[in-house]
Amino acid sequence: QVQLVESGGGLVQAGGSLRLSCEASGNFFSVNRMGWYRQAPGKQRELVANITSGGSTNYADSVKGRFTISRDNAKNTVYLQMNTLKPEDTAVYYCNADISPFAGAYYSRWGQGTQVTVSS
């Protein structure tokens, strides 16, 4: 019953920008940590950035200074602003969220993924 829906992916030239969005919907008590992961062809899925409900953030070293994660708790939505994109950023980007069905418990949910392609 809980869904994560991503949007904002697309094709962009190196040096360009994209903004990804992910909204959690359904029946739940709260959403705690939310984050973005990515998986390029032939590579393992890796953490890009995450953010707690209180606003604390973590970033992969490869995106520090270029990407910014933020969230709107009232809308249960997380965003990823991606600037100065590089071809190495090309991947399917997945939203992840820790969902609390009730206070004191949570489970992890994945979105369906959105393609980001950065051309040289």
C-alpha atoms as a PDB file:
ATOM      1  CA  GLN A   1       0.000   0.000   0.000  1.00  0.00           C
ATOM      2  CA  VAL A   2       2.997   2.337   0.388  1.00  0.00           C
ATOM      3  CA  GLN A   3       4.496   3.606  -2.858  1.00  0.00           C
ATOM      4  CA  LEU A   4       7.538   5.701  -3.740  1.00  0.00           C
ATOM      5  CA  VAL A   5       7.240   7.478  -7.077  1.00  0.00           C
ATOM      6  CA  GLU A   6      10.293   9.140  -8.637  1.00  0.00           C
ATOM      7  CA  SER A   7      10.327  11.774 -11.350  1.00  0.00           C
ATOM      8  CA  GLY A   8      12.712  14.233 -12.985  1.00  0.00           C
ATOM      9  CA  GLY A   9      15.159  11.959 -14.773  1.00  0.00           C
ATOM     10  CA  GLY A  10      16.205  12.519 -18.352  1.00  0.00           C
ATOM     11  CA  LEU A  11      18.996  13.200 -20.812  1.00  0.00           C
ATOM     12  CA  VAL A  12      21.390  16.089 -20.221  1.00  0.00           C
ATOM     13  CA  GLN A  13      24.808  17.151 -21.484  1.00  0.00           C
ATOM     14  CA  ALA A  14      27.844  17.204 -19.234  1.00  0.00           C
ATOM     15  CA  GLY A  15      27.807  20.271 -17.018  1.00  0.00           C
ATOM     16  CA  GLY A  16      24.024  20.453 -16.952  1.00  0.00           C
ATOM     17  CA  SER A  17      21.550  20.020 -14.105  1.00  0.00           C
ATOM     18  CA  LEU A  18      18.556  17.881 -13.182  1.00  0.00           C
ATOM     19  CA  ARG A  19      16.252  17.778 -10.177  1.00  0.00           C
ATOM     20  CA  LEU A  20      14.788  14.467  -9.013  1.00  0.00           C
ATOM     21  CA  SER A  21      11.699  14.138  -6.832  1.00  0.00           C
ATOM     22  CA  CYS A  22      10.333  11.201  -4.851  1.00  0.00           C
ATOM     23  CA  GLU A  23       6.985  11.196  -3.060  1.00  0.00           C
ATOM     24  CA  ALA A  24       5.887   8.590  -0.529  1.00  0.00           C
ATOM     25  CA  SER A  25       2.163   7.878  -0.479  1.00  0.00           C
ATOM     26  CA  GLY A  26      -0.122   5.426   1.279  1.00  0.00           C
ATOM     27  CA  ASN A  27      -1.030   4.465   4.816  1.00  0.00           C
ATOM     28  CA  PHE A  28       1.796   4.976   7.312  1.00  0.00           C
ATOM     29  CA  PHE A  29       2.603   6.749  10.555  1.00  0.00           C
ATOM     30  CA  SER A  30       5.694   8.619   9.401  1.00  0.00           C
ATOM     31  CA  VAL A  31       8.681   8.608   7.048  1.00  0.00           C
ATOM     32  CA  ASN A  32      12.093   8.701   8.696  1.00  0.00           C
ATOM     33  CA  ARG A  33      15.260   8.614   6.597  1.00  0.00           C
ATOM     34  CA  MET A  34      14.931   9.066   2.841  1.00  0.00           C
ATOM     35  CA  GLY A  35      17.670   8.747   0.282  1.00  0.00           C
ATOM     36  CA  TRP A  36      18.822   8.298  -3.285  1.00  0.00           C
ATOM     37  CA  TYR A  37      20.824   5.396  -4.685  1.00  0.00           C
ATOM     38  CA  ARG A  38      22.037   4.776  -8.221  1.00  0.00           C
ATOM     39  CA  GLN A  39      23.067   1.807 -10.317  1.00  0.00           C
ATOM     40  CA  ALA A  40      25.041   2.041 -13.549  1.00  0.00           C
ATOM     41  CA  PRO A  41      25.251  -0.867 -16.033  1.00  0.00           C
ATOM     42  CA  GLY A  42      27.646  -3.510 -14.765  1.00  0.00           C
ATOM     43  CA  LYS A  43      28.064  -1.838 -11.376  1.00  0.00           C
ATOM     44  CA  GLN A  44      26.625  -2.315  -7.903  1.00  0.00           C
ATOM     45  CA  ARG A  45      23.927  -0.061  -6.533  1.00  0.00           C
ATOM     46  CA  GLU A  46      25.504   2.698  -4.450  1.00  0.00           C
ATOM     47  CA  LEU A  47      24.346   5.358  -2.029  1.00  0.00           C
ATOM     48  CA  VAL A  48      24.247   8.872  -3.480  1.00  0.00           C
ATOM     49  CA  ALA A  49      22.796  10.832  -0.562  1.00  0.00           C
ATOM     50  CA  ASN A  50      20.321  10.501   2.278  1.00  0.00           C
ATOM     51  CA  ILE A  51      18.560  12.767   4.740  1.00  0.00           C
ATOM     52  CA  THR A  52      16.847  12.240   8.088  1.00  0.00           C
ATOM     53  CA  SER A  53      13.500  13.679   9.082  1.00  0.00           C
ATOM     54  CA  GLY A  54      15.447  16.256  11.099  1.00  0.00           C
ATOM     55  CA  GLY A  55      17.476  17.379   8.087  1.00  0.00           C
ATOM     56  CA  SER A  56      20.844  15.693   8.702  1.00  0.00           C
ATOM     57  CA  THR A  57      22.487  14.703   5.410  1.00  0.00           C
ATOM     58  CA  ASN A  58      25.112  12.318   4.073  1.00  0.00           C
ATOM     59  CA  TYR A  59      26.688  12.335   0.609  1.00  0.00           C
ATOM     60  CA  ALA A  60      28.868  10.027  -1.408  1.00  0.00           C
ATOM     61  CA  ASP A  61      32.321  11.522  -1.939  1.00  0.00           C
ATOM     62  CA  SER A  62      31.793  11.492  -5.701  1.00  0.00           C
ATOM     63  CA  VAL A  63      28.859  13.929  -5.515  1.00  0.00           C
ATOM     64  CA  LYS A  64      29.865  16.239  -2.659  1.00  0.00           C
ATOM     65  CA  GLY A  65      29.720  19.858  -3.731  1.00  0.00           C
ATOM     66  CA  ARG A  66      27.613  19.053  -6.805  1.00  0.00           C
ATOM     67  CA  PHE A  67      24.429  17.412  -5.483  1.00  0.00           C
ATOM     68  CA  THR A  68      22.058  18.651  -2.783  1.00  0.00           C
ATOM     69  CA  ILE A  69      19.429  16.529  -1.052  1.00  0.00           C
ATOM     70  CA  SER A  70      16.420  18.116   0.647  1.00  0.00           C
ATOM     71  CA  ARG A  71      12.942  17.141   1.794  1.00  0.00           C
ATOM     72  CA  ASP A  72       9.473  18.463   2.500  1.00  0.00           C
ATOM     73  CA  ASN A  73       8.140  16.537   5.485  1.00  0.00           C
ATOM     74  CA  ALA A  74       4.602  17.848   5.028  1.00  0.00           C
ATOM     75  CA  LYS A  75       4.544  16.349   1.514  1.00  0.00           C
ATOM     76  CA  ASN A  76       6.589  13.223   2.352  1.00  0.00           C
ATOM     77  CA  THR A  77       8.823  14.142  -0.562  1.00  0.00           C
ATOM     78  CA  VAL A  78      12.595  14.066  -1.022  1.00  0.00           C
ATOM     79  CA  TYR A  79      14.492  15.942  -3.730  1.00  0.00           C
ATOM     80  CA  LEU A  80      17.918  15.620  -5.294  1.00  0.00           C
ATOM     81  CA  GLN A  81      19.310  18.679  -7.053  1.00  0.00           C
ATOM     82  CA  MET A  82      22.112  17.521  -9.351  1.00  0.00           C
ATOM     83  CA  ASN A  83      24.455  20.171 -10.743  1.00  0.00           C
ATOM     84  CA  THR A  84      27.608  19.986 -12.852  1.00  0.00           C
ATOM     85  CA  LEU A  85      26.616  16.545 -14.057  1.00  0.00           C
ATOM     86  CA  LYS A  86      29.288  14.230 -15.422  1.00  0.00           C
ATOM     87  CA  PRO A  87      29.031  11.196 -17.726  1.00  0.00           C
ATOM     88  CA  GLU A  88      30.012   9.087 -14.703  1.00  0.00           C
ATOM     89  CA  ASP A  89      26.693  10.098 -13.103  1.00  0.00           C
ATOM     90  CA  THR A  90      24.767   8.137 -15.738  1.00  0.00           C
ATOM     91  CA  ALA A  91      22.675   5.520 -13.942  1.00  0.00           C
ATOM     92  CA  VAL A  92      19.215   4.512 -12.846  1.00  0.00           C
ATOM     93  CA  TYR A  93      18.455   6.503  -9.711  1.00  0.00           C
ATOM     94  CA  TYR A  94      16.330   4.864  -7.010  1.00  0.00           C
ATOM     95  CA  CYS A  95      14.525   6.485  -4.119  1.00  0.00           C
ATOM     96  CA  ASN A  96      14.598   4.717  -0.753  1.00  0.00           C
ATOM     97  CA  ALA A  97      12.662   5.482   2.410  1.00  0.00           C
ATOM     98  CA  ASP A  98      12.350   4.102   5.922  1.00  0.00           C
ATOM     99  CA  ILE A  99       8.613   3.851   6.584  1.00  0.00           C
ATOM    100  CA  SER A 100       7.146   3.715  10.097  1.00  0.00           C
ATOM    101  CA  PRO A 101       3.771   1.914  10.183  1.00  0.00           C
ATOM    102  CA  PHE A 102       3.555   2.937  13.829  1.00  0.00           C
ATOM    103  CA  ALA A 103       5.801   4.623  16.372  1.00  0.00           C
ATOM    104  CA  GLY A 104       8.903   2.602  17.172  1.00  0.00           C
ATOM    105  CA  ALA A 105       9.081   0.439  14.040  1.00  0.00           C
ATOM    106  CA  TYR A 106      10.046   0.892  10.393  1.00  0.00           C
ATOM    107  CA  TYR A 107      10.737  -0.912   7.121  1.00  0.00           C
ATOM    108  CA  SER A 108      12.585   0.028   3.958  1.00  0.00           C
ATOM    109  CA  ARG A 109      10.820   0.662   0.635  1.00  0.00           C
ATOM    110  CA  TRP A 110      12.286   1.230  -2.852  1.00  0.00           C
ATOM    111  CA  GLY A 111      10.968   3.279  -5.739  1.00  0.00           C
ATOM    112  CA  GLN A 112      10.857   1.988  -9.306  1.00  0.00           C
ATOM    113  CA  GLY A 113      13.844   4.037 -10.489  1.00  0.00           C
ATOM    114  CA  THR A 114      14.333   6.861 -12.973  1.00  0.00           C
ATOM    115  CA  GLN A 115      16.979   7.003 -15.709  1.00  0.00           C
ATOM    116  CA  VAL A 116      19.583   9.773 -15.720  1.00  0.00           C
ATOM    117  CA  THR A 117      21.822   9.930 -18.779  1.00  0.00           C
ATOM    118  CA  VAL A 118      24.676  12.435 -19.071  1.00  0.00           C
ATOM    119  CA  SER A 119      26.294  12.751 -22.491  1.00  0.00           C
ATOM    120  CA  SER A 120      29.879  13.836 -23.159  1.00  0.00           C
END
